[in-house]
Amino acid sequence: MPLTGVDAAIQELEREVKRVQEAIALLKKIRLQRVLPAAGNGKKARRLSAAGRRRISEAAKKRWAALRAATKPQR
């Protein structure tokens, strides 16, 4: 039985749908490969101890005090 114009169009559209679905599946696979390594890069989060924070705070206060003293207007 020969295909009518409508039947041929339907078959062509079905082939196109299949190609699009395969392309989408491939792109999703690529996206997944790019996302997974970044999420689990193996680096452990670095933590700062209370003593370390205190040293940094004291050093910053000292620097700001020195800056304020150097720029203090003379009377």
PDB file of N, CA and C in Angstrom:
ATOM      1  N   MET A   1       0.851  -1.175   0.000  1.00  0.00           N
ATOM      2  CA  MET A   1       0.000   0.000   0.000  1.00  0.00           C
ATOM      3  C   MET A   1       0.895   1.236   0.000  1.00  0.00           C
ATOM      4  N   PRO A   2       0.779   2.094  -0.996  1.00  0.00           N
ATOM      5  CA  PRO A   2       1.613   3.285  -1.068  1.00  0.00           C
ATOM      6  C   PRO A   2       1.206   4.306  -0.011  1.00  0.00           C
ATOM      7  N   LEU A   3       2.219   5.042   0.465  1.00  0.00           N
ATOM      8  CA  LEU A   3       1.959   6.061   1.484  1.00  0.00           C
ATOM      9  C   LEU A   3       1.357   7.301   0.842  1.00  0.00           C
ATOM     10  N   THR A   4       0.410   7.856   1.548  1.00  0.00           N
ATOM     11  CA  THR A   4      -0.142   9.126   1.094  1.00  0.00           C
ATOM     12  C   THR A   4       0.772  10.242   1.582  1.00  0.00           C
ATOM     13  N   GLY A   5       0.537  11.426   1.119  1.00  0.00           N
ATOM     14  CA  GLY A   5       1.345  12.563   1.549  1.00  0.00           C
ATOM     15  C   GLY A   5       1.281  12.775   3.050  1.00  0.00           C
ATOM     16  N   VAL A   6       0.125  12.561   3.632  1.00  0.00           N
ATOM     17  CA  VAL A   6      -0.058  12.739   5.076  1.00  0.00           C
ATOM     18  C   VAL A   6       0.709  11.661   5.830  1.00  0.00           C
ATOM     19  N   ASP A   7       0.608  10.414   5.372  1.00  0.00           N
ATOM     20  CA  ASP A   7       1.316   9.322   6.040  1.00  0.00           C
ATOM     21  C   ASP A   7       2.831   9.520   5.967  1.00  0.00           C
ATOM     22  N   ALA A   8       3.310   9.963   4.830  1.00  0.00           N
ATOM     23  CA  ALA A   8       4.747  10.211   4.684  1.00  0.00           C
ATOM     24  C   ALA A   8       5.200  11.332   5.611  1.00  0.00           C
ATOM     25  N   ALA A   9       4.381  12.358   5.730  1.00  0.00           N
ATOM     26  CA  ALA A   9       4.712  13.478   6.624  1.00  0.00           C
ATOM     27  C   ALA A   9       4.755  13.009   8.073  1.00  0.00           C
ATOM     28  N   ILE A  10       3.788  12.153   8.435  1.00  0.00           N
ATOM     29  CA  ILE A  10       3.760  11.621   9.807  1.00  0.00           C
ATOM     30  C   ILE A  10       5.020  10.815  10.085  1.00  0.00           C
ATOM     31  N   GLN A  11       5.403   9.950   9.164  1.00  0.00           N
ATOM     32  CA  GLN A  11       6.609   9.133   9.363  1.00  0.00           C
ATOM     33  C   GLN A  11       7.853  10.019   9.481  1.00  0.00           C
ATOM     34  N   GLU A  12       7.952  11.029   8.639  1.00  0.00           N
ATOM     35  CA  GLU A  12       9.106  11.929   8.696  1.00  0.00           C
ATOM     36  C   GLU A  12       9.157  12.676  10.026  1.00  0.00           C
ATOM     37  N   LEU A  13       8.000  13.135  10.495  1.00  0.00           N
ATOM     38  CA  LEU A  13       7.945  13.824  11.791  1.00  0.00           C
ATOM     39  C   LEU A  13       8.313  12.877  12.933  1.00  0.00           C
ATOM     40  N   GLU A  14       7.873  11.614  12.849  1.00  0.00           N
ATOM     41  CA  GLU A  14       8.217  10.648  13.889  1.00  0.00           C
ATOM     42  C   GLU A  14       9.722  10.390  13.905  1.00  0.00           C
ATOM     43  N   ARG A  15      10.352  10.332  12.736  1.00  0.00           N
ATOM     44  CA  ARG A  15      11.807  10.163  12.681  1.00  0.00           C
ATOM     45  C   ARG A  15      12.500  11.389  13.280  1.00  0.00           C
ATOM     46  N   GLU A  16      11.969  12.563  12.988  1.00  0.00           N
ATOM     47  CA  GLU A  16      12.547  13.796  13.525  1.00  0.00           C
ATOM     48  C   GLU A  16      12.406  13.848  15.047  1.00  0.00           C
ATOM     49  N   VAL A  17      11.254  13.428  15.560  1.00  0.00           N
ATOM     50  CA  VAL A  17      11.043  13.380  17.012  1.00  0.00           C
ATOM     51  C   VAL A  17      12.072  12.456  17.649  1.00  0.00           C
ATOM     52  N   LYS A  18      12.312  11.317  17.031  1.00  0.00           N
ATOM     53  CA  LYS A  18      13.293  10.369  17.573  1.00  0.00           C
ATOM     54  C   LYS A  18      14.690  10.986  17.588  1.00  0.00           C
ATOM     55  N   ARG A  19      15.063  11.701  16.507  1.00  0.00           N
ATOM     56  CA  ARG A  19      16.387  12.348  16.464  1.00  0.00           C
ATOM     57  C   ARG A  19      16.504  13.420  17.545  1.00  0.00           C
ATOM     58  N   VAL A  20      15.448  14.194  17.744  1.00  0.00           N
ATOM     59  CA  VAL A  20      15.461  15.246  18.767  1.00  0.00           C
ATOM     60  C   VAL A  20      15.567  14.626  20.157  1.00  0.00           C
ATOM     61  N   GLN A  21      14.830  13.559  20.409  1.00  0.00           N
ATOM     62  CA  GLN A  21      14.902  12.901  21.716  1.00  0.00           C
ATOM     63  C   GLN A  21      16.299  12.341  21.980  1.00  0.00           C
ATOM     64  N   GLU A  22      16.932  11.782  20.971  1.00  0.00           N
ATOM     65  CA  GLU A  22      18.300  11.276  21.130  1.00  0.00           C
ATOM     66  C   GLU A  22      19.270  12.421  21.408  1.00  0.00           C
ATOM     67  N   ALA A  23      19.083  13.549  20.731  1.00  0.00           N
ATOM     68  CA  ALA A  23      19.953  14.701  20.960  1.00  0.00           C
ATOM     69  C   ALA A  23      19.779  15.238  22.373  1.00  0.00           C
ATOM     70  N   ILE A  24      18.542  15.290  22.846  1.00  0.00           N
ATOM     71  CA  ILE A  24      18.280  15.753  24.213  1.00  0.00           C
ATOM     72  C   ILE A  24      18.932  14.813  25.219  1.00  0.00           C
ATOM     73  N   ALA A  25      18.805  13.516  25.014  1.00  0.00           N
ATOM     74  CA  ALA A  25      19.420  12.548  25.928  1.00  0.00           C
ATOM     75  C   ALA A  25      20.932  12.712  25.958  1.00  0.00           C
ATOM     76  N   LEU A  26      21.546  12.945  24.802  1.00  0.00           N
ATOM     77  CA  LEU A  26      22.990  13.143  24.742  1.00  0.00           C
ATOM     78  C   LEU A  26      23.400  14.415  25.480  1.00  0.00           C
ATOM     79  N   LEU A  27      22.661  15.496  25.282  1.00  0.00           N
ATOM     80  CA  LEU A  27      22.979  16.757  25.962  1.00  0.00           C
ATOM     81  C   LEU A  27      22.813  16.631  27.472  1.00  0.00           C
ATOM     82  N   LYS A  28      21.800  15.910  27.913  1.00  0.00           N
ATOM     83  CA  LYS A  28      21.616  15.694  29.354  1.00  0.00           C
ATOM     84  C   LYS A  28      22.781  14.901  29.929  1.00  0.00           C
ATOM     85  N   LYS A  29      23.266  13.918  29.171  1.00  0.00           N
ATOM     86  CA  LYS A  29      24.404  13.123  29.624  1.00  0.00           C
ATOM     87  C   LYS A  29      25.647  14.009  29.741  1.00  0.00           C
ATOM     88  N   ILE A  30      25.858  14.879  28.768  1.00  0.00           N
ATOM     89  CA  ILE A  30      27.007  15.793  28.808  1.00  0.00           C
ATOM     90  C   ILE A  30      26.894  16.724  29.998  1.00  0.00           C
ATOM     91  N   ARG A  31      25.704  17.277  30.225  1.00  0.00           N
ATOM     92  CA  ARG A  31      25.492  18.177  31.357  1.00  0.00           C
ATOM     93  C   ARG A  31      25.769  17.465  32.676  1.00  0.00           C
ATOM     94  N   LEU A  32      25.315  16.244  32.804  1.00  0.00           N
ATOM     95  CA  LEU A  32      25.523  15.479  34.025  1.00  0.00           C
ATOM     96  C   LEU A  32      27.008  15.233  34.270  1.00  0.00           C
ATOM     97  N   GLN A  33      27.761  14.964  33.212  1.00  0.00           N
ATOM     98  CA  GLN A  33      29.192  14.737  33.354  1.00  0.00           C
ATOM     99  C   GLN A  33      29.908  16.009  33.789  1.00  0.00           C
ATOM    100  N   ARG A  34      29.421  17.161  33.369  1.00  0.00           N
ATOM    101  CA  ARG A  34      30.049  18.426  33.757  1.00  0.00           C
ATOM    102  C   ARG A  34      29.705  18.815  35.182  1.00  0.00           C
ATOM    103  N   VAL A  35      28.501  18.479  35.642  1.00  0.00           N
ATOM    104  CA  VAL A  35      28.045  18.887  36.964  1.00  0.00           C
ATOM    105  C   VAL A  35      28.642  18.014  38.055  1.00  0.00           C
ATOM    106  N   LEU A  36      28.703  16.727  37.853  1.00  0.00           N
ATOM    107  CA  LEU A  36      29.138  15.817  38.910  1.00  0.00           C
ATOM    108  C   LEU A  36      30.573  16.049  39.379  1.00  0.00           C
ATOM    109  N   PRO A  37      31.564  16.204  38.505  1.00  0.00           N
ATOM    110  CA  PRO A  37      32.913  16.427  39.013  1.00  0.00           C
ATOM    111  C   PRO A  37      33.043  17.716  39.819  1.00  0.00           C
ATOM    112  N   ALA A  38      32.328  18.746  39.450  1.00  0.00           N
ATOM    113  CA  ALA A  38      32.414  20.017  40.169  1.00  0.00           C
ATOM    114  C   ALA A  38      31.806  19.896  41.559  1.00  0.00           C
ATOM    115  N   ALA A  39      30.748  19.098  41.689  1.00  0.00           N
ATOM    116  CA  ALA A  39      30.076  18.966  42.972  1.00  0.00           C
ATOM    117  C   ALA A  39      30.924  18.180  43.967  1.00  0.00           C
ATOM    118  N   GLY A  40      31.664  17.212  43.508  1.00  0.00           N
ATOM    119  CA  GLY A  40      32.463  16.390  44.405  1.00  0.00           C
ATOM    120  C   GLY A  40      33.935  16.514  44.079  1.00  0.00           C
ATOM    121  N   ASN A  41      34.484  17.704  44.243  1.00  0.00           N
ATOM    122  CA  ASN A  41      35.868  17.910  43.838  1.00  0.00           C
ATOM    123  C   ASN A  41      36.878  17.333  44.834  1.00  0.00           C
ATOM    124  N   GLY A  42      36.403  16.761  45.934  1.00  0.00           N
ATOM    125  CA  GLY A  42      37.287  16.094  46.865  1.00  0.00           C
ATOM    126  C   GLY A  42      37.976  17.016  47.860  1.00  0.00           C
ATOM    127  N   LYS A  43      37.781  18.311  47.743  1.00  0.00           N
ATOM    128  CA  LYS A  43      38.418  19.223  48.689  1.00  0.00           C
ATOM    129  C   LYS A  43      37.566  19.345  49.941  1.00  0.00           C
ATOM    130  N   LYS A  44      38.229  19.313  51.067  1.00  0.00           N
ATOM    131  CA  LYS A  44      37.541  19.430  52.335  1.00  0.00           C
ATOM    132  C   LYS A  44      37.431  20.917  52.686  1.00  0.00           C
ATOM    133  N   ALA A  45      36.301  21.303  53.241  1.00  0.00           N
ATOM    134  CA  ALA A  45      36.114  22.692  53.639  1.00  0.00           C
ATOM    135  C   ALA A  45      37.106  23.036  54.753  1.00  0.00           C
ATOM    136  N   ARG A  46      37.774  24.156  54.582  1.00  0.00           N
ATOM    137  CA  ARG A  46      38.749  24.564  55.602  1.00  0.00           C
ATOM    138  C   ARG A  46      38.032  25.323  56.706  1.00  0.00           C
ATOM    139  N   ARG A  47      38.386  25.027  57.921  1.00  0.00           N
ATOM    140  CA  ARG A  47      37.775  25.665  59.087  1.00  0.00           C
ATOM    141  C   ARG A  47      38.832  26.501  59.796  1.00  0.00           C
ATOM    142  N   LEU A  48      38.394  27.616  60.326  1.00  0.00           N
ATOM    143  CA  LEU A  48      39.292  28.501  61.058  1.00  0.00           C
ATOM    144  C   LEU A  48      38.980  28.359  62.537  1.00  0.00           C
ATOM    145  N   SER A  49      39.991  28.127  63.319  1.00  0.00           N
ATOM    146  CA  SER A  49      39.782  27.955  64.760  1.00  0.00           C
ATOM    147  C   SER A  49      39.471  29.311  65.397  1.00  0.00           C
ATOM    148  N   ALA A  50      38.967  29.250  66.611  1.00  0.00           N
ATOM    149  CA  ALA A  50      38.665  30.482  67.338  1.00  0.00           C
ATOM    150  C   ALA A  50      39.940  31.281  67.573  1.00  0.00           C
ATOM    151  N   ALA A  51      41.036  30.598  67.867  1.00  0.00           N
ATOM    152  CA  ALA A  51      42.306  31.291  68.085  1.00  0.00           C
ATOM    153  C   ALA A  51      42.782  31.962  66.794  1.00  0.00           C
ATOM    154  N   GLY A  52      42.598  31.298  65.687  1.00  0.00           N
ATOM    155  CA  GLY A  52      42.981  31.877  64.402  1.00  0.00           C
ATOM    156  C   GLY A  52      42.161  33.114  64.077  1.00  0.00           C
ATOM    157  N   ARG A  53      40.854  33.023  64.321  1.00  0.00           N
ATOM    158  CA  ARG A  53      39.994  34.199  64.098  1.00  0.00           C
ATOM    159  C   ARG A  53      40.407  35.346  64.997  1.00  0.00           C
ATOM    160  N   ARG A  54      40.749  35.042  66.234  1.00  0.00           N
ATOM    161  CA  ARG A  54      41.163  36.078  67.187  1.00  0.00           C
ATOM    162  C   ARG A  54      42.455  36.751  66.722  1.00  0.00           C
ATOM    163  N   ARG A  55      43.426  35.965  66.243  1.00  0.00           N
ATOM    164  CA  ARG A  55      44.684  36.540  65.741  1.00  0.00           C
ATOM    165  C   ARG A  55      44.442  37.454  64.545  1.00  0.00           C
ATOM    166  N   ILE A  56      43.578  37.007  63.645  1.00  0.00           N
ATOM    167  CA  ILE A  56      43.269  37.824  62.470  1.00  0.00           C
ATOM    168  C   ILE A  56      42.573  39.115  62.894  1.00  0.00           C
ATOM    169  N   SER A  57      41.637  39.021  63.829  1.00  0.00           N
ATOM    170  CA  SER A  57      40.917  40.197  64.303  1.00  0.00           C
ATOM    171  C   SER A  57      41.866  41.193  64.973  1.00  0.00           C
ATOM    172  N   GLU A  58      42.746  40.679  65.812  1.00  0.00           N
ATOM    173  CA  GLU A  58      43.695  41.567  66.494  1.00  0.00           C
ATOM    174  C   GLU A  58      44.644  42.235  65.497  1.00  0.00           C
ATOM    175  N   ALA A  59      45.099  41.510  64.502  1.00  0.00           N
ATOM    176  CA  ALA A  59      45.992  42.083  63.499  1.00  0.00           C
ATOM    177  C   ALA A  59      45.269  43.161  62.694  1.00  0.00           C
ATOM    178  N   ALA A  60      43.999  42.914  62.345  1.00  0.00           N
ATOM    179  CA  ALA A  60      43.234  43.908  61.588  1.00  0.00           C
ATOM    180  C   ALA A  60      43.017  45.165  62.423  1.00  0.00           C
ATOM    181  N   LYS A  61      42.697  44.987  63.698  1.00  0.00           N
ATOM    182  CA  LYS A  61      42.500  46.148  64.573  1.00  0.00           C
ATOM    183  C   LYS A  61      43.791  46.951  64.695  1.00  0.00           C
ATOM    184  N   LYS A  62      44.908  46.251  64.787  1.00  0.00           N
ATOM    185  CA  LYS A  62      46.206  46.933  64.889  1.00  0.00           C
ATOM    186  C   LYS A  62      46.492  47.730  63.616  1.00  0.00           C
ATOM    187  N   ARG A  63      46.226  47.124  62.447  1.00  0.00           N
ATOM    188  CA  ARG A  63      46.449  47.837  61.179  1.00  0.00           C
ATOM    189  C   ARG A  63      45.561  49.071  61.076  1.00  0.00           C
ATOM    190  N   TRP A  64      44.278  48.938  61.430  1.00  0.00           N
ATOM    191  CA  TRP A  64      43.373  50.083  61.358  1.00  0.00           C
ATOM    192  C   TRP A  64      43.784  51.169  62.347  1.00  0.00           C
ATOM    193  N   ALA A  65      44.215  50.786  63.539  1.00  0.00           N
ATOM    194  CA  ALA A  65      44.662  51.780  64.523  1.00  0.00           C
ATOM    195  C   ALA A  65      45.876  52.533  63.993  1.00  0.00           C
ATOM    196  N   ALA A  66      46.810  51.824  63.371  1.00  0.00           N
ATOM    197  CA  ALA A  66      47.992  52.469  62.804  1.00  0.00           C
ATOM    198  C   ALA A  66      47.595  53.410  61.671  1.00  0.00           C
ATOM    199  N   LEU A  67      46.652  53.010  60.852  1.00  0.00           N
ATOM    200  CA  LEU A  67      46.194  53.857  59.747  1.00  0.00           C
ATOM    201  C   LEU A  67      45.519  55.106  60.273  1.00  0.00           C
ATOM    202  N   ARG A  68      44.676  54.948  61.285  1.00  0.00           N
ATOM    203  CA  ARG A  68      43.980  56.118  61.883  1.00  0.00           C
ATOM    204  C   ARG A  68      44.995  57.047  62.542  1.00  0.00           C
ATOM    205  N   ALA A  69      45.988  56.484  63.192  1.00  0.00           N
ATOM    206  CA  ALA A  69      47.000  57.322  63.851  1.00  0.00           C
ATOM    207  C   ALA A  69      47.830  58.085  62.814  1.00  0.00           C
ATOM    208  N   ALA A  70      48.093  57.471  61.689  1.00  0.00           N
ATOM    209  CA  ALA A  70      48.895  58.121  60.656  1.00  0.00           C
ATOM    210  C   ALA A  70      48.117  59.222  59.934  1.00  0.00           C
ATOM    211  N   THR A  71      46.816  59.107  59.858  1.00  0.00           N
ATOM    212  CA  THR A  71      46.012  60.080  59.141  1.00  0.00           C
ATOM    213  C   THR A  71      45.281  61.023  60.085  1.00  0.00           C
ATOM    214  N   LYS A  72      45.587  60.978  61.372  1.00  0.00           N
ATOM    215  CA  LYS A  72      44.917  61.829  62.358  1.00  0.00           C
ATOM    216  C   LYS A  72      45.307  63.277  62.090  1.00  0.00           C
ATOM    217  N   PRO A  73      44.304  64.167  62.026  1.00  0.00           N
ATOM    218  CA  PRO A  73      44.616  65.579  61.759  1.00  0.00           C
ATOM    219  C   PRO A  73      45.378  66.206  62.945  1.00  0.00           C
ATOM    220  N   GLN A  74      46.350  67.031  62.615  1.00  0.00           N
ATOM    221  CA  GLN A  74      47.151  67.710  63.646  1.00  0.00           C
ATOM    222  C   GLN A  74      46.386  68.932  64.129  1.00  0.00           C
ATOM    223  N   ARG A  75      46.395  69.194  65.438  1.00  0.00           N
ATOM    224  CA  ARG A  75      45.683  70.355  66.005  1.00  0.00           C
ATOM    225  C   ARG A  75      46.643  71.432  66.372  1.00  0.00           C
TER     226      ARG A  75
END
